[in-house]
C-alpha atoms as a PDB file:
ATOM      1  CA  MET A   1      -1.608  -2.825 -23.049  1.00  0.00           C
ATOM      2  CA  VAL A   2      -1.908  -6.617 -23.082  1.00  0.00           C
ATOM      3  CA  LYS A   3       1.232  -6.913 -20.943  1.00  0.00           C
ATOM      4  CA  GLY A   4      -0.289  -4.500 -18.395  1.00  0.00           C
ATOM      5  CA  VAL A   5      -3.509  -6.508 -18.327  1.00  0.00           C
ATOM      6  CA  ARG A   6      -1.562  -9.729 -17.747  1.00  0.00           C
ATOM      7  CA  LEU A   7       0.450  -8.058 -14.984  1.00  0.00           C
ATOM      8  CA  ARG A   8      -2.733  -6.871 -13.275  1.00  0.00           C
ATOM      9  CA  ARG A   9      -4.394 -10.286 -13.606  1.00  0.00           C
ATOM     10  CA  GLY A  10      -1.309 -11.989 -12.197  1.00  0.00           C
ATOM     11  CA  ALA A  11      -1.126  -9.463  -9.396  1.00  0.00           C
ATOM     12  CA  LEU A  12      -4.815  -9.922  -8.661  1.00  0.00           C
ATOM     13  CA  LEU A  13      -4.421 -13.699  -8.510  1.00  0.00           C
ATOM     14  CA  LEU A  14      -1.426 -13.513  -6.175  1.00  0.00           C
ATOM     15  CA  ALA A  15      -3.154 -10.917  -4.013  1.00  0.00           C
ATOM     16  CA  ALA A  16      -6.210 -13.166  -3.792  1.00  0.00           C
ATOM     17  CA  VAL A  17      -3.990 -16.100  -2.853  1.00  0.00           C
ATOM     18  CA  LEU A  18      -2.217 -14.033  -0.198  1.00  0.00           C
ATOM     19  CA  ILE A  19      -5.519 -12.828   1.221  1.00  0.00           C
ATOM     20  CA  SER A  20      -7.114 -16.239   1.287  1.00  0.00           C
ATOM     21  CA  GLY A  21      -4.023 -17.901   2.672  1.00  0.00           C
ATOM     22  CA  GLY A  22      -4.585 -20.812   0.348  1.00  0.00           C
ATOM     23  CA  GLY A  23      -6.090 -21.718  -2.976  1.00  0.00           C
ATOM     24  CA  GLY A  24      -6.579 -19.183  -5.702  1.00  0.00           C
ATOM     25  CA  ALA A  25      -9.040 -19.058  -8.544  1.00  0.00           C
ATOM     26  CA  ARG A  26      -8.688 -22.760  -9.337  1.00  0.00           C
ATOM     27  CA  GLY A  27      -8.147 -23.796  -5.727  1.00  0.00           C
ATOM     28  CA  ASN A  28      -4.712 -25.331  -6.295  1.00  0.00           C
ATOM     29  CA  GLU A  29      -2.337 -22.335  -5.977  1.00  0.00           C
ATOM     30  CA  ALA A  30      -0.909 -22.341  -2.465  1.00  0.00           C
ATOM     31  CA  VAL A  31       0.931 -19.603  -0.619  1.00  0.00           C
ATOM     32  CA  PRO A  32       4.507 -20.766  -0.112  1.00  0.00           C
ATOM     33  CA  ARG A  33       4.920 -22.026   3.429  1.00  0.00           C
ATOM     34  CA  GLY A  34       7.078 -19.954   5.721  1.00  0.00           C
ATOM     35  CA  LEU A  35       6.288 -16.492   4.349  1.00  0.00           C
ATOM     36  CA  SER A  36       6.552 -13.956   7.129  1.00  0.00           C
ATOM     37  CA  GLU A  37       3.945 -11.293   7.845  1.00  0.00           C
ATOM     38  CA  TYR A  38       6.277  -8.625   6.428  1.00  0.00           C
ATOM     39  CA  GLN A  39       7.072 -10.616   3.284  1.00  0.00           C
ATOM     40  CA  ILE A  40       3.337 -10.695   2.607  1.00  0.00           C
ATOM     41  CA  LYS A  41       2.934  -6.997   3.431  1.00  0.00           C
ATOM     42  CA  ALA A  42       5.861  -6.122   1.143  1.00  0.00           C
ATOM     43  CA  ALA A  43       4.223  -8.126  -1.666  1.00  0.00           C
ATOM     44  CA  TYR A  44       0.987  -6.230  -1.059  1.00  0.00           C
ATOM     45  CA  LEU A  45       2.795  -2.895  -1.311  1.00  0.00           C
ATOM     46  CA  TYR A  46       4.041  -3.945  -4.732  1.00  0.00           C
ATOM     47  CA  TYR A  47       0.625  -5.161  -5.844  1.00  0.00           C
ATOM     48  CA  PHE A  48      -0.980  -1.935  -4.677  1.00  0.00           C
ATOM     49  CA  THR A  49       1.232  -0.165  -7.234  1.00  0.00           C
ATOM     50  CA  THR A  50      -0.457  -2.160  -9.995  1.00  0.00           C
ATOM     51  CA  PHE A  51      -4.008  -1.367  -8.844  1.00  0.00           C
ATOM     52  CA  VAL A  52      -3.684   2.370  -8.133  1.00  0.00           C
ATOM     53  CA  ALA A  53      -3.512   5.202 -10.671  1.00  0.00           C
ATOM     54  CA  TRP A  54      -1.796   8.458  -9.740  1.00  0.00           C
ATOM     55  CA  PRO A  55      -2.365  11.780 -11.488  1.00  0.00           C
ATOM     56  CA  PRO A  56       0.437  12.531 -14.005  1.00  0.00           C
ATOM     57  CA  GLU A  57       1.812  15.427 -11.931  1.00  0.00           C
ATOM     58  CA  ALA A  58       2.586  12.991  -9.102  1.00  0.00           C
ATOM     59  CA  PHE A  59       5.622  11.756 -11.029  1.00  0.00           C
ATOM     60  CA  SER A  60       7.319  15.047 -11.880  1.00  0.00           C
ATOM     61  CA  ARG A  61       8.921  15.223  -8.422  1.00  0.00           C
ATOM     62  CA  SER A  62      10.409  11.733  -8.434  1.00  0.00           C
ATOM     63  CA  GLY A  63      12.323  11.536 -11.706  1.00  0.00           C
ATOM     64  CA  GLU A  64       9.600   9.285 -13.076  1.00  0.00           C
ATOM     65  CA  ALA A  65      10.279   6.502 -10.530  1.00  0.00           C
ATOM     66  CA  LEU A  66       7.453   5.158  -8.384  1.00  0.00           C
ATOM     67  CA  VAL A  67       8.577   5.682  -4.787  1.00  0.00           C
ATOM     68  CA  VAL A  68       7.495   3.328  -2.001  1.00  0.00           C
ATOM     69  CA  GLY A  69       8.431   5.066   1.222  1.00  0.00           C
ATOM     70  CA  VAL A  70       8.600   4.034   4.853  1.00  0.00           C
ATOM     71  CA  LEU A  71       8.068   6.666   7.534  1.00  0.00           C
ATOM     72  CA  GLY A  72       9.256   5.854  11.049  1.00  0.00           C
ATOM     73  CA  ALA A  73      10.770   2.644  12.424  1.00  0.00           C
ATOM     74  CA  ASP A  74      11.120   0.196   9.534  1.00  0.00           C
ATOM     75  CA  PRO A  75       9.529  -3.179  10.362  1.00  0.00           C
ATOM     76  CA  PHE A  76      10.519  -4.644   6.968  1.00  0.00           C
ATOM     77  CA  GLY A  77      14.308  -4.551   7.191  1.00  0.00           C
ATOM     78  CA  PRO A  78      15.737  -5.811   3.882  1.00  0.00           C
ATOM     79  CA  ILE A  79      12.477  -7.601   2.942  1.00  0.00           C
ATOM     80  CA  LEU A  80      10.916  -4.586   1.236  1.00  0.00           C
ATOM     81  CA  ASP A  81      14.064  -3.820  -0.763  1.00  0.00           C
ATOM     82  CA  ASP A  82      14.409  -7.466  -1.788  1.00  0.00           C
ATOM     83  CA  THR A  83      10.742  -7.685  -2.814  1.00  0.00           C
ATOM     84  CA  LEU A  84      10.783  -4.520  -4.935  1.00  0.00           C
ATOM     85  CA  ARG A  85      14.291  -4.788  -6.406  1.00  0.00           C
ATOM     86  CA  GLY A  86      14.135  -4.633 -10.203  1.00  0.00           C
ATOM     87  CA  LYS A  87      10.353  -4.147 -10.309  1.00  0.00           C
ATOM     88  CA  THR A  88       8.694  -1.743 -12.710  1.00  0.00           C
ATOM     89  CA  VAL A  89       5.096  -0.610 -13.077  1.00  0.00           C
ATOM     90  CA  ASP A  90       3.906   1.103 -16.266  1.00  0.00           C
ATOM     91  CA  ASN A  91       7.546   1.520 -17.359  1.00  0.00           C
ATOM     92  CA  ARG A  92       8.468   3.237 -14.086  1.00  0.00           C
ATOM     93  CA  ARG A  93      11.072   1.674 -11.854  1.00  0.00           C
ATOM     94  CA  VAL A  94       9.938   1.078  -8.283  1.00  0.00           C
ATOM     95  CA  VAL A  95      12.316   2.405  -5.625  1.00  0.00           C
ATOM     96  CA  VAL A  96      12.241   2.152  -1.835  1.00  0.00           C
ATOM     97  CA  LYS A  97      13.101   5.127   0.355  1.00  0.00           C
ATOM     98  CA  ARG A  98      13.049   5.555   4.104  1.00  0.00           C
ATOM     99  CA  PHE A  99      12.098   8.882   5.625  1.00  0.00           C
ATOM    100  CA  GLY A 100      12.682  10.451   9.010  1.00  0.00           C
ATOM    101  CA  ASN A 101      10.262  13.331   8.503  1.00  0.00           C
ATOM    102  CA  ILE A 102       6.938  13.869   6.816  1.00  0.00           C
ATOM    103  CA  ARG A 103       8.121  16.810   4.689  1.00  0.00           C
ATOM    104  CA  ASP A 104      10.505  14.528   2.750  1.00  0.00           C
ATOM    105  CA  ALA A 105       7.992  11.650   2.761  1.00  0.00           C
ATOM    106  CA  ARG A 106       5.599  13.694   0.578  1.00  0.00           C
ATOM    107  CA  ALA A 107       7.863  12.600  -2.309  1.00  0.00           C
ATOM    108  CA  SER A 108       6.437   9.066  -2.009  1.00  0.00           C
ATOM    109  CA  HIS A 109       3.711   7.553  -4.141  1.00  0.00           C
ATOM    110  CA  ILE A 110       3.009   4.873  -1.549  1.00  0.00           C
ATOM    111  CA  LEU A 111       3.931   5.697   2.031  1.00  0.00           C
ATOM    112  CA  PHE A 112       3.960   2.976   4.674  1.00  0.00           C
ATOM    113  CA  ILE A 113       3.444   4.760   7.992  1.00  0.00           C
ATOM    114  CA  SER A 114       5.045   2.656  10.693  1.00  0.00           C
ATOM    115  CA  ALA A 115       3.354   1.799  13.968  1.00  0.00           C
ATOM    116  CA  SER A 116       6.075   3.894  15.652  1.00  0.00           C
ATOM    117  CA  GLU A 117       4.205   6.941  14.302  1.00  0.00           C
ATOM    118  CA  ARG A 118       0.843   6.122  15.942  1.00  0.00           C
ATOM    119  CA  ASP A 119       0.928   9.124  18.273  1.00  0.00           C
ATOM    120  CA  ARG A 120       1.683  11.473  15.362  1.00  0.00           C
ATOM    121  CA  LEU A 121      -0.763   9.963  12.864  1.00  0.00           C
ATOM    122  CA  ALA A 122      -3.197  12.897  12.826  1.00  0.00           C
ATOM    123  CA  SER A 123      -0.400  15.419  12.188  1.00  0.00           C
ATOM    124  CA  ILE A 124       1.195  13.183   9.529  1.00  0.00           C
ATOM    125  CA  LEU A 125      -2.078  12.830   7.627  1.00  0.00           C
ATOM    126  CA  LYS A 126      -2.655  16.582   7.943  1.00  0.00           C
ATOM    127  CA  ALA A 127       0.824  17.234   6.472  1.00  0.00           C
ATOM    128  CA  LEU A 128       0.003  14.954   3.519  1.00  0.00           C
ATOM    129  CA  GLU A 129      -3.181  16.848   2.595  1.00  0.00           C
ATOM    130  CA  GLY A 130      -3.086  17.829  -1.064  1.00  0.00           C
ATOM    131  CA  ALA A 131      -0.428  15.220  -1.927  1.00  0.00           C
ATOM    132  CA  SER A 132      -1.246  12.271  -4.181  1.00  0.00           C
ATOM    133  CA  VAL A 133       0.274   9.753  -1.788  1.00  0.00           C
ATOM    134  CA  LEU A 134      -1.299   6.371  -1.021  1.00  0.00           C
ATOM    135  CA  THR A 135      -0.934   5.948   2.734  1.00  0.00           C
ATOM    136  CA  VAL A 136      -0.662   2.423   4.103  1.00  0.00           C
ATOM    137  CA  GLY A 137      -0.289   1.502   7.747  1.00  0.00           C
ATOM    138  CA  GLU A 138      -0.812  -1.103  10.413  1.00  0.00           C
ATOM    139  CA  ILE A 139      -1.816   1.241  13.228  1.00  0.00           C
ATOM    140  CA  ASP A 140      -5.125   0.341  14.889  1.00  0.00           C
ATOM    141  CA  HIS A 141      -8.033   2.043  13.094  1.00  0.00           C
ATOM    142  CA  PHE A 142      -5.605   3.536  10.551  1.00  0.00           C
ATOM    143  CA  ALA A 143      -8.175   3.720   7.750  1.00  0.00           C
ATOM    144  CA  SER A 144     -11.026   5.001   9.887  1.00  0.00           C
ATOM    145  CA  ARG A 145      -8.682   7.736  11.184  1.00  0.00           C
ATOM    146  CA  GLY A 146      -7.977   9.042   7.662  1.00  0.00           C
ATOM    147  CA  GLY A 147      -5.315   6.676   6.306  1.00  0.00           C
ATOM    148  CA  GLN A 148      -6.109   5.004   2.993  1.00  0.00           C
ATOM    149  CA  ILE A 149      -5.172   1.327   3.334  1.00  0.00           C
ATOM    150  CA  ALA A 150      -4.809  -0.392   6.696  1.00  0.00           C
ATOM    151  CA  PHE A 151      -3.224  -3.788   7.157  1.00  0.00           C
ATOM    152  CA  ARG A 152      -4.805  -5.973   9.811  1.00  0.00           C
ATOM    153  CA  MET A 153      -4.354  -9.551  10.936  1.00  0.00           C
ATOM    154  CA  GLU A 154      -7.357 -11.860  10.853  1.00  0.00           C
ATOM    155  CA  ASP A 155      -7.113 -15.588  11.529  1.00  0.00           C
ATOM    156  CA  LYS A 156      -3.319 -15.335  11.146  1.00  0.00           C
ATOM    157  CA  LYS A 157      -3.747 -13.862   7.646  1.00  0.00           C
ATOM    158  CA  VAL A 158      -2.875 -10.379   6.429  1.00  0.00           C
ATOM    159  CA  ARG A 159      -6.004  -8.513   5.348  1.00  0.00           C
ATOM    160  CA  PHE A 160      -6.598  -4.871   4.542  1.00  0.00           C
ATOM    161  CA  ASP A 161      -9.181  -2.123   4.842  1.00  0.00           C
ATOM    162  CA  ILE A 162      -9.653   0.697   2.318  1.00  0.00           C
ATOM    163  CA  ASN A 163     -10.869   4.205   3.114  1.00  0.00           C
ATOM    164  CA  VAL A 164     -12.322   5.227  -0.259  1.00  0.00           C
ATOM    165  CA  THR A 165     -12.990   8.803   0.882  1.00  0.00           C
ATOM    166  CA  ALA A 166      -9.305   9.298   1.792  1.00  0.00           C
ATOM    167  CA  VAL A 167      -8.203   7.730  -1.510  1.00  0.00           C
ATOM    168  CA  GLU A 168     -10.425  10.097  -3.491  1.00  0.00           C
ATOM    169  CA  ARG A 169      -9.231  13.085  -1.452  1.00  0.00           C
ATOM    170  CA  ALA A 170      -5.663  12.283  -2.588  1.00  0.00           C
ATOM    171  CA  ARG A 171      -6.838  12.229  -6.241  1.00  0.00           C
ATOM    172  CA  LEU A 172      -5.949   8.548  -6.587  1.00  0.00           C
ATOM    173  CA  LYS A 173      -7.946   5.900  -8.402  1.00  0.00           C
ATOM    174  CA  VAL A 174      -8.080   2.410  -6.935  1.00  0.00           C
ATOM    175  CA  SER A 175      -9.272  -0.382  -9.213  1.00  0.00           C
ATOM    176  CA  ALA A 176     -12.569  -2.064  -8.459  1.00  0.00           C
ATOM    177  CA  GLN A 177     -10.671  -5.370  -8.304  1.00  0.00           C
ATOM    178  CA  LEU A 178      -8.569  -4.156  -5.371  1.00  0.00           C
ATOM    179  CA  MET A 179     -11.638  -2.786  -3.612  1.00  0.00           C
ATOM    180  CA  LYS A 180     -13.271  -6.209  -3.879  1.00  0.00           C
ATOM    181  CA  LEU A 181     -10.286  -7.734  -2.080  1.00  0.00           C
ATOM    182  CA  GLY A 182     -10.300  -5.220   0.766  1.00  0.00           C
ATOM    183  CA  ARG A 183     -12.885  -4.240   3.345  1.00  0.00           C
ATOM    184  CA  ILE A 184     -14.297  -0.729   2.782  1.00  0.00           C
ATOM    185  CA  VAL A 185     -14.327   1.436   5.919  1.00  0.00           C
ATOM    186  CA  ASP A 186     -15.640   4.912   6.737  1.00  0.00           C
ATOM    187  CA  GLU A 187     -13.803   7.739   8.432  1.00  0.00           C
ATOM    188  CA  SER A 188     -15.295   7.622  11.885  1.00  0.00           C
ATOM    189  CA  ASP A 189     -12.518   9.314  13.845  1.00  0.00           C
ATOM    190  CA  ARG A 190     -10.373  11.298  11.427  1.00  0.00           C
ATOM    191  CA  GLN A 191      -9.414  13.883  14.020  1.00  0.00           C
ATOM    192  CA  GLY A 192      -8.644  11.289  16.676  1.00  0.00           C
ATOM    193  CA  GLY A 193      -5.124  10.585  17.833  1.00  0.00           C
END
């Protein structure tokens, strides 16, 4: 338990540093210069795994691994694999999978929905109904359209929005610490395309 608490505190500190783009809790931890947007987003995907709780039945389909999936054109390239290689969360290894269709992507625990899927977003989210999958995307208004966590750029920094209603609908629990780091949004256009 203590190890898990330390992991979450460390993850929270790094997430706060990534969000702020500079100093952390003591003001002297700096983000390494030269990190790309997708290196930061890949780090966030890992840290989301430490701040989200899935129902136990969500792991029976994955052989006990925690699956981070990418649906559509992969903007990460090898960055996501490199970031998550060898990582574990709650004694579950973290694996990366890429999916060409939503049916297979339901096997994810975290699913990054690529911007290439913007025109199909409504049908993708509909196909995920009932699945305990944390959806993350960078499509405009992703969270207000029914996605759960939306990356956005603000002042050249990666930020994120959280749709709490969509998270709860997927039977996921997001820590209060993560919610403090994100901006909470409402579903204003869930049916929109």
